[in-house]
N, C-alpha and C. Protein backbone atom coordinates (compact mmCIF):
# COMPACT_ATOMS: atom_id res chain seq x y z
N MET A 1 -5.82 9.58 20.53
CA MET A 1 -4.70 8.77 20.96
C MET A 1 -3.42 9.15 20.21
N LEU A 2 -3.56 9.40 18.91
CA LEU A 2 -2.41 9.80 18.10
C LEU A 2 -1.84 11.13 18.59
N GLU A 3 -2.73 12.06 18.93
CA GLU A 3 -2.28 13.36 19.41
C GLU A 3 -1.48 13.22 20.70
N LEU A 4 -1.97 12.37 21.61
CA LEU A 4 -1.27 12.15 22.87
C LEU A 4 0.12 11.56 22.62
N THR A 5 0.20 10.62 21.72
CA THR A 5 1.49 10.00 21.39
C THR A 5 2.45 11.03 20.82
N LEU A 6 1.97 11.86 19.91
CA LEU A 6 2.84 12.89 19.33
C LEU A 6 3.30 13.90 20.37
N VAL A 7 2.41 14.26 21.28
CA VAL A 7 2.79 15.19 22.35
C VAL A 7 3.86 14.56 23.24
N LEU A 8 3.69 13.30 23.58
CA LEU A 8 4.66 12.62 24.43
C LEU A 8 6.01 12.46 23.74
N VAL A 9 5.99 12.20 22.43
CA VAL A 9 7.25 12.06 21.68
C VAL A 9 8.06 13.35 21.76
N VAL A 10 7.39 14.48 21.73
CA VAL A 10 8.08 15.77 21.81
C VAL A 10 8.36 16.14 23.27
N ALA A 11 7.41 15.86 24.15
CA ALA A 11 7.51 16.33 25.54
C ALA A 11 8.58 15.58 26.34
N PHE A 12 8.67 14.26 26.19
CA PHE A 12 9.62 13.51 27.01
C PHE A 12 11.07 13.98 26.83
N PRO A 13 11.58 14.15 25.61
CA PRO A 13 12.96 14.63 25.50
C PRO A 13 13.15 16.04 26.07
N ILE A 14 12.15 16.91 25.91
CA ILE A 14 12.28 18.27 26.44
C ILE A 14 12.30 18.25 27.96
N ILE A 15 11.38 17.48 28.55
CA ILE A 15 11.34 17.39 30.01
C ILE A 15 12.61 16.72 30.53
N TRP A 16 13.09 15.73 29.80
CA TRP A 16 14.33 15.06 30.18
C TRP A 16 15.49 16.05 30.20
N LEU A 17 15.57 16.87 29.15
CA LEU A 17 16.63 17.88 29.08
C LEU A 17 16.53 18.86 30.26
N ILE A 18 15.32 19.30 30.56
CA ILE A 18 15.13 20.23 31.68
C ILE A 18 15.51 19.56 33.00
N SER A 19 15.18 18.28 33.15
CA SER A 19 15.47 17.58 34.41
C SER A 19 16.97 17.42 34.65
N GLU A 20 17.77 17.54 33.62
CA GLU A 20 19.22 17.41 33.78
C GLU A 20 19.81 18.56 34.61
N PHE A 21 19.07 19.64 34.79
CA PHE A 21 19.55 20.78 35.57
C PHE A 21 19.10 20.70 37.03
N TYR A 22 18.45 19.60 37.41
CA TYR A 22 17.98 19.43 38.79
C TYR A 22 18.66 18.22 39.41
N ASP A 23 18.58 18.12 40.74
CA ASP A 23 19.29 17.07 41.47
C ASP A 23 18.55 15.75 41.58
N ASN A 24 17.33 15.64 41.11
CA ASN A 24 16.55 14.41 41.26
C ASN A 24 17.00 13.36 40.23
N ARG A 25 17.91 12.48 40.69
CA ARG A 25 18.49 11.49 39.78
C ARG A 25 17.45 10.49 39.26
N GLY A 26 16.52 10.08 40.11
CA GLY A 26 15.48 9.12 39.71
C GLY A 26 14.60 9.67 38.60
N ALA A 27 14.24 10.94 38.71
CA ALA A 27 13.41 11.57 37.67
C ALA A 27 14.17 11.66 36.35
N ARG A 28 15.46 12.00 36.43
CA ARG A 28 16.26 12.09 35.20
C ARG A 28 16.35 10.74 34.51
N ILE A 29 16.59 9.69 35.28
CA ILE A 29 16.69 8.34 34.68
C ILE A 29 15.35 7.90 34.11
N THR A 30 14.28 8.12 34.87
CA THR A 30 12.94 7.73 34.39
C THR A 30 12.57 8.48 33.11
N LEU A 31 12.78 9.78 33.09
CA LEU A 31 12.45 10.56 31.89
C LEU A 31 13.34 10.17 30.70
N GLY A 32 14.60 9.87 30.95
CA GLY A 32 15.48 9.42 29.88
C GLY A 32 15.04 8.10 29.28
N VAL A 33 14.68 7.16 30.14
CA VAL A 33 14.19 5.86 29.67
C VAL A 33 12.89 6.03 28.89
N CYS A 34 11.99 6.87 29.38
CA CYS A 34 10.72 7.12 28.68
C CYS A 34 10.97 7.75 27.31
N ALA A 35 11.88 8.71 27.23
CA ALA A 35 12.17 9.38 25.95
C ALA A 35 12.75 8.38 24.95
N ILE A 36 13.65 7.54 25.41
CA ILE A 36 14.25 6.54 24.50
C ILE A 36 13.21 5.51 24.09
N ALA A 37 12.38 5.09 25.05
CA ALA A 37 11.33 4.11 24.74
C ALA A 37 10.34 4.67 23.71
N MET A 38 10.00 5.94 23.84
CA MET A 38 9.09 6.57 22.87
C MET A 38 9.70 6.58 21.48
N SER A 39 11.02 6.78 21.39
CA SER A 39 11.65 6.78 20.07
C SER A 39 11.57 5.40 19.43
N PHE A 40 11.72 4.35 20.24
CA PHE A 40 11.57 2.99 19.70
C PHE A 40 10.13 2.75 19.25
N GLY A 41 9.18 3.26 20.02
CA GLY A 41 7.77 3.11 19.64
C GLY A 41 7.45 3.81 18.33
N VAL A 42 7.98 4.99 18.16
CA VAL A 42 7.75 5.74 16.92
C VAL A 42 8.39 5.01 15.73
N ALA A 43 9.60 4.49 15.94
CA ALA A 43 10.26 3.74 14.86
C ALA A 43 9.45 2.50 14.48
N TRP A 44 8.86 1.83 15.46
CA TRP A 44 8.04 0.66 15.18
C TRP A 44 6.79 1.04 14.39
N ILE A 45 6.16 2.15 14.77
CA ILE A 45 4.96 2.61 14.06
C ILE A 45 5.29 2.97 12.61
N VAL A 46 6.39 3.68 12.41
CA VAL A 46 6.79 4.07 11.05
C VAL A 46 7.09 2.82 10.21
N GLY A 47 7.74 1.84 10.80
CA GLY A 47 8.01 0.59 10.09
C GLY A 47 6.73 -0.14 9.71
N SER A 48 5.76 -0.13 10.61
CA SER A 48 4.48 -0.77 10.32
C SER A 48 3.75 -0.07 9.18
N LEU A 49 3.80 1.25 9.17
CA LEU A 49 3.15 2.00 8.10
C LEU A 49 3.84 1.75 6.76
N ASP A 50 5.16 1.60 6.76
CA ASP A 50 5.88 1.30 5.53
C ASP A 50 5.49 -0.07 4.99
N ARG A 51 5.35 -1.05 5.89
CA ARG A 51 4.91 -2.38 5.46
C ARG A 51 3.50 -2.32 4.89
N LEU A 52 2.64 -1.54 5.52
CA LEU A 52 1.27 -1.38 5.02
C LEU A 52 1.28 -0.78 3.63
N GLN A 53 2.13 0.22 3.41
CA GLN A 53 2.24 0.85 2.10
C GLN A 53 2.72 -0.15 1.06
N SER A 54 3.66 -1.02 1.42
CA SER A 54 4.14 -2.05 0.50
C SER A 54 3.03 -3.03 0.16
N ASN A 55 2.24 -3.39 1.16
CA ASN A 55 1.12 -4.30 0.91
C ASN A 55 0.13 -3.69 -0.07
N ILE A 56 -0.17 -2.41 0.10
CA ILE A 56 -1.08 -1.73 -0.81
C ILE A 56 -0.49 -1.68 -2.22
N TYR A 57 0.79 -1.34 -2.30
CA TYR A 57 1.48 -1.22 -3.59
C TYR A 57 1.38 -2.53 -4.38
N PHE A 58 1.72 -3.65 -3.75
CA PHE A 58 1.71 -4.92 -4.45
C PHE A 58 0.28 -5.43 -4.66
N SER A 59 -0.61 -5.18 -3.72
CA SER A 59 -1.99 -5.67 -3.85
C SER A 59 -2.71 -5.04 -5.02
N GLU A 60 -2.57 -3.73 -5.19
CA GLU A 60 -3.26 -3.05 -6.30
C GLU A 60 -2.76 -3.57 -7.65
N ALA A 61 -1.45 -3.69 -7.80
CA ALA A 61 -0.89 -4.15 -9.08
C ALA A 61 -1.26 -5.60 -9.33
N THR A 62 -1.22 -6.43 -8.29
CA THR A 62 -1.54 -7.85 -8.47
C THR A 62 -3.01 -8.03 -8.80
N LYS A 63 -3.88 -7.23 -8.22
CA LYS A 63 -5.31 -7.29 -8.54
C LYS A 63 -5.53 -7.02 -10.04
N ASP A 64 -4.86 -6.00 -10.56
CA ASP A 64 -4.97 -5.70 -11.99
C ASP A 64 -4.40 -6.83 -12.84
N LEU A 65 -3.28 -7.38 -12.43
CA LEU A 65 -2.65 -8.49 -13.16
C LEU A 65 -3.59 -9.69 -13.25
N ILE A 66 -4.14 -10.09 -12.12
CA ILE A 66 -5.03 -11.26 -12.09
C ILE A 66 -6.30 -11.00 -12.88
N GLN A 67 -6.92 -9.84 -12.65
CA GLN A 67 -8.19 -9.55 -13.33
C GLN A 67 -8.04 -9.51 -14.84
N ASN A 68 -7.01 -8.87 -15.34
CA ASN A 68 -6.82 -8.78 -16.78
C ASN A 68 -6.41 -10.11 -17.39
N THR A 69 -5.65 -10.90 -16.65
CA THR A 69 -5.28 -12.24 -17.13
C THR A 69 -6.52 -13.11 -17.28
N ILE A 70 -7.41 -13.07 -16.28
CA ILE A 70 -8.65 -13.84 -16.35
C ILE A 70 -9.51 -13.40 -17.53
N ILE A 71 -9.65 -12.10 -17.69
CA ILE A 71 -10.49 -11.58 -18.79
C ILE A 71 -9.95 -12.04 -20.14
N GLU A 72 -8.64 -11.92 -20.33
CA GLU A 72 -8.06 -12.30 -21.63
C GLU A 72 -8.05 -13.81 -21.84
N LEU A 73 -7.92 -14.60 -20.79
CA LEU A 73 -8.03 -16.05 -20.94
C LEU A 73 -9.45 -16.45 -21.29
N GLU A 74 -10.43 -15.77 -20.71
CA GLU A 74 -11.82 -16.03 -21.06
C GLU A 74 -12.12 -15.63 -22.50
N ASN A 75 -11.35 -14.68 -23.05
CA ASN A 75 -11.51 -14.26 -24.43
C ASN A 75 -10.68 -15.10 -25.39
N ASP A 76 -10.20 -16.25 -24.93
CA ASP A 76 -9.41 -17.19 -25.74
C ASP A 76 -8.17 -16.56 -26.33
N ARG A 77 -7.45 -15.79 -25.53
CA ARG A 77 -6.19 -15.19 -25.98
C ARG A 77 -5.03 -15.75 -25.16
N SER A 78 -5.08 -17.06 -24.91
CA SER A 78 -4.09 -17.67 -24.03
C SER A 78 -2.68 -17.60 -24.59
N ASP A 79 -2.52 -17.61 -25.92
CA ASP A 79 -1.18 -17.54 -26.51
C ASP A 79 -0.54 -16.17 -26.23
N VAL A 80 -1.32 -15.11 -26.34
CA VAL A 80 -0.81 -13.76 -26.06
C VAL A 80 -0.50 -13.62 -24.57
N VAL A 81 -1.41 -14.11 -23.73
CA VAL A 81 -1.23 -14.01 -22.28
C VAL A 81 0.01 -14.77 -21.85
N LEU A 82 0.21 -15.97 -22.37
CA LEU A 82 1.36 -16.78 -22.01
C LEU A 82 2.68 -16.09 -22.43
N ALA A 83 2.71 -15.58 -23.63
CA ALA A 83 3.92 -14.91 -24.11
C ALA A 83 4.24 -13.68 -23.26
N GLU A 84 3.23 -12.91 -22.92
CA GLU A 84 3.45 -11.71 -22.13
C GLU A 84 3.78 -12.04 -20.67
N LEU A 85 3.22 -13.12 -20.13
CA LEU A 85 3.59 -13.54 -18.79
C LEU A 85 5.05 -13.97 -18.73
N GLN A 86 5.50 -14.64 -19.78
CA GLN A 86 6.92 -15.03 -19.83
C GLN A 86 7.81 -13.79 -19.91
N ALA A 87 7.40 -12.80 -20.67
CA ALA A 87 8.17 -11.56 -20.75
C ALA A 87 8.17 -10.84 -19.40
N LEU A 88 7.02 -10.84 -18.73
CA LEU A 88 6.93 -10.23 -17.41
C LEU A 88 7.86 -10.93 -16.42
N ARG A 89 7.87 -12.26 -16.47
CA ARG A 89 8.75 -13.03 -15.59
C ARG A 89 10.22 -12.69 -15.85
N ASP A 90 10.59 -12.56 -17.11
CA ASP A 90 11.98 -12.26 -17.45
C ASP A 90 12.39 -10.85 -17.02
N ASP A 91 11.44 -9.91 -17.06
CA ASP A 91 11.74 -8.52 -16.72
C ASP A 91 11.73 -8.26 -15.21
N PHE A 92 11.04 -9.10 -14.46
CA PHE A 92 10.85 -8.88 -13.03
C PHE A 92 12.06 -9.41 -12.25
N ARG A 93 12.80 -8.50 -11.63
CA ARG A 93 13.99 -8.86 -10.86
C ARG A 93 14.00 -8.10 -9.52
N PRO A 94 13.14 -8.52 -8.58
CA PRO A 94 13.09 -7.81 -7.30
C PRO A 94 14.27 -8.18 -6.41
N THR A 95 14.62 -7.28 -5.54
CA THR A 95 15.61 -7.55 -4.51
C THR A 95 15.01 -7.12 -3.18
N TYR A 96 15.74 -7.34 -2.11
CA TYR A 96 15.23 -6.91 -0.82
C TYR A 96 15.26 -5.39 -0.68
N GLU A 97 15.97 -4.71 -1.57
CA GLU A 97 16.09 -3.26 -1.50
C GLU A 97 15.08 -2.53 -2.38
N THR A 98 14.61 -3.17 -3.44
CA THR A 98 13.73 -2.48 -4.38
C THR A 98 12.49 -3.30 -4.67
N ARG A 99 11.53 -2.64 -5.26
CA ARG A 99 10.30 -3.30 -5.70
C ARG A 99 10.37 -3.64 -7.19
N ASP A 100 11.44 -3.23 -7.84
CA ASP A 100 11.68 -3.45 -9.26
C ASP A 100 10.55 -2.91 -10.13
N ASP A 101 9.95 -1.81 -9.72
CA ASP A 101 8.87 -1.17 -10.48
C ASP A 101 7.79 -2.18 -10.87
N TYR A 102 7.38 -2.97 -9.91
CA TYR A 102 6.38 -4.01 -10.14
C TYR A 102 5.12 -3.44 -10.77
N ASP A 103 4.65 -2.31 -10.27
CA ASP A 103 3.43 -1.73 -10.82
C ASP A 103 3.61 -1.30 -12.26
N VAL A 104 4.80 -0.82 -12.63
CA VAL A 104 5.06 -0.42 -14.01
C VAL A 104 5.09 -1.66 -14.92
N LEU A 105 5.73 -2.72 -14.45
CA LEU A 105 5.78 -3.96 -15.24
C LEU A 105 4.38 -4.55 -15.43
N VAL A 106 3.58 -4.54 -14.38
CA VAL A 106 2.22 -5.05 -14.49
C VAL A 106 1.40 -4.17 -15.42
N ASP A 107 1.57 -2.86 -15.32
CA ASP A 107 0.85 -1.95 -16.20
C ASP A 107 1.22 -2.20 -17.66
N ARG A 108 2.49 -2.40 -17.92
CA ARG A 108 2.93 -2.71 -19.29
C ARG A 108 2.34 -4.04 -19.75
N PHE A 109 2.30 -5.03 -18.86
CA PHE A 109 1.72 -6.33 -19.19
C PHE A 109 0.25 -6.22 -19.55
N ILE A 110 -0.54 -5.54 -18.70
CA ILE A 110 -1.98 -5.50 -18.96
C ILE A 110 -2.29 -4.70 -20.22
N HIS A 111 -1.47 -3.70 -20.54
CA HIS A 111 -1.70 -2.96 -21.77
C HIS A 111 -1.24 -3.75 -23.00
N SER A 112 -0.34 -4.69 -22.82
CA SER A 112 0.11 -5.47 -23.96
C SER A 112 -0.84 -6.62 -24.27
N ILE A 113 -1.64 -7.07 -23.31
CA ILE A 113 -2.55 -8.18 -23.58
C ILE A 113 -3.96 -7.71 -23.90
N SER A 114 -4.26 -6.46 -23.63
CA SER A 114 -5.62 -5.99 -23.82
C SER A 114 -5.64 -4.59 -24.42
N GLU A 115 -6.60 -4.36 -25.28
CA GLU A 115 -6.76 -3.02 -25.85
C GLU A 115 -7.47 -2.08 -24.89
N SER A 116 -8.30 -2.65 -24.01
CA SER A 116 -8.98 -1.84 -22.99
C SER A 116 -8.84 -2.54 -21.64
N PRO A 117 -7.65 -2.42 -21.03
CA PRO A 117 -7.42 -3.12 -19.76
C PRO A 117 -8.23 -2.54 -18.61
N VAL A 118 -8.53 -3.40 -17.66
CA VAL A 118 -9.21 -2.99 -16.45
C VAL A 118 -8.12 -2.58 -15.47
N GLU A 119 -8.19 -1.33 -15.00
CA GLU A 119 -7.16 -0.83 -14.10
C GLU A 119 -7.78 -0.29 -12.83
N HIS A 120 -7.03 -0.43 -11.75
CA HIS A 120 -7.44 0.15 -10.49
C HIS A 120 -7.29 1.66 -10.59
N SER A 121 -8.32 2.37 -10.21
CA SER A 121 -8.20 3.82 -10.26
C SER A 121 -7.63 4.28 -8.91
N ASP A 122 -6.65 5.15 -8.94
CA ASP A 122 -5.92 5.56 -7.74
C ASP A 122 -6.87 6.05 -6.66
N GLY A 123 -6.76 5.43 -5.51
CA GLY A 123 -7.52 5.86 -4.35
C GLY A 123 -8.93 5.32 -4.28
N ALA A 124 -9.43 4.68 -5.35
CA ALA A 124 -10.79 4.15 -5.30
C ALA A 124 -10.82 2.96 -4.37
N PRO A 125 -11.82 2.85 -3.52
CA PRO A 125 -11.85 1.75 -2.56
C PRO A 125 -12.13 0.40 -3.20
N ARG A 126 -12.65 0.37 -4.41
CA ARG A 126 -12.91 -0.90 -5.08
C ARG A 126 -12.82 -0.70 -6.59
N TRP A 127 -12.70 -1.78 -7.28
CA TRP A 127 -12.57 -1.74 -8.73
C TRP A 127 -13.97 -1.82 -9.34
N THR A 128 -14.16 -1.12 -10.44
CA THR A 128 -15.48 -1.12 -11.07
C THR A 128 -15.83 -2.47 -11.68
N HIS A 129 -14.84 -3.23 -12.07
CA HIS A 129 -15.10 -4.52 -12.71
C HIS A 129 -15.46 -5.62 -11.71
N GLU A 130 -15.49 -5.33 -10.42
CA GLU A 130 -15.84 -6.35 -9.45
C GLU A 130 -17.33 -6.67 -9.49
N MET A 131 -18.10 -5.82 -10.13
CA MET A 131 -19.54 -6.07 -10.25
C MET A 131 -19.85 -6.43 -11.70
N VAL A 132 -19.16 -7.43 -12.22
CA VAL A 132 -19.29 -7.82 -13.62
C VAL A 132 -20.71 -8.25 -13.95
N ASP A 133 -21.34 -8.98 -13.03
CA ASP A 133 -22.68 -9.51 -13.29
C ASP A 133 -23.79 -8.49 -13.04
N TYR A 134 -23.45 -7.32 -12.56
CA TYR A 134 -24.45 -6.31 -12.26
C TYR A 134 -24.91 -5.63 -13.54
N ILE A 135 -26.20 -5.67 -13.76
CA ILE A 135 -26.80 -4.99 -14.91
C ILE A 135 -27.80 -3.98 -14.36
N PRO A 136 -27.55 -2.69 -14.57
CA PRO A 136 -28.48 -1.70 -14.02
C PRO A 136 -29.86 -1.82 -14.65
N LEU A 137 -30.86 -1.61 -13.83
CA LEU A 137 -32.23 -1.66 -14.31
C LEU A 137 -32.56 -0.39 -15.09
N ASP A 138 -33.29 -0.57 -16.18
CA ASP A 138 -33.74 0.58 -16.92
C ASP A 138 -34.90 1.21 -16.16
N THR A 139 -34.71 2.43 -15.76
CA THR A 139 -35.78 3.11 -15.02
C THR A 139 -36.23 4.32 -15.81
N ASP A 140 -37.45 4.57 -15.75
CA ASP A 140 -38.01 5.72 -16.43
C ASP A 140 -37.87 6.92 -15.50
N SER A 141 -37.17 7.93 -15.96
CA SER A 141 -36.88 9.07 -15.09
C SER A 141 -38.14 9.90 -14.83
N GLY A 142 -39.17 9.75 -15.66
CA GLY A 142 -40.38 10.53 -15.48
C GLY A 142 -41.28 9.99 -14.41
N GLY A 143 -41.13 8.74 -14.03
CA GLY A 143 -41.99 8.14 -13.01
C GLY A 143 -43.33 7.76 -13.60
N GLU A 144 -44.18 7.25 -12.75
CA GLU A 144 -45.52 6.83 -13.21
C GLU A 144 -46.59 7.69 -12.62
């Protein structure tokens, strides 16, 4: 389906240009409308992908922020967590134009509250700390 869309995005303007040298007015108008409509469709798809990228960007950083905050609160380090959360709040100044390096601020926060922070590894589909209660069974590699 993607291949067909890409072919049409390129083909409609070319065919429209070629049709301008012929007398069929209906075909020229139809091809022109199709070419313009395809450009709007492509712009909508690109906008959707950008929103998806923003969702991923904020989701990964927020997951690390929440997970490390929980771990450090469970370790009775609430005074450190509170002070660093206040510093994070003061440093975070997003606008509609920028993300204000949210991932960098969160990374700095999690490293300031923990000596061994839990971090999302780039591209991994899940975090290793999500299986906190999982204890691997000791198996004898030699068998019985």
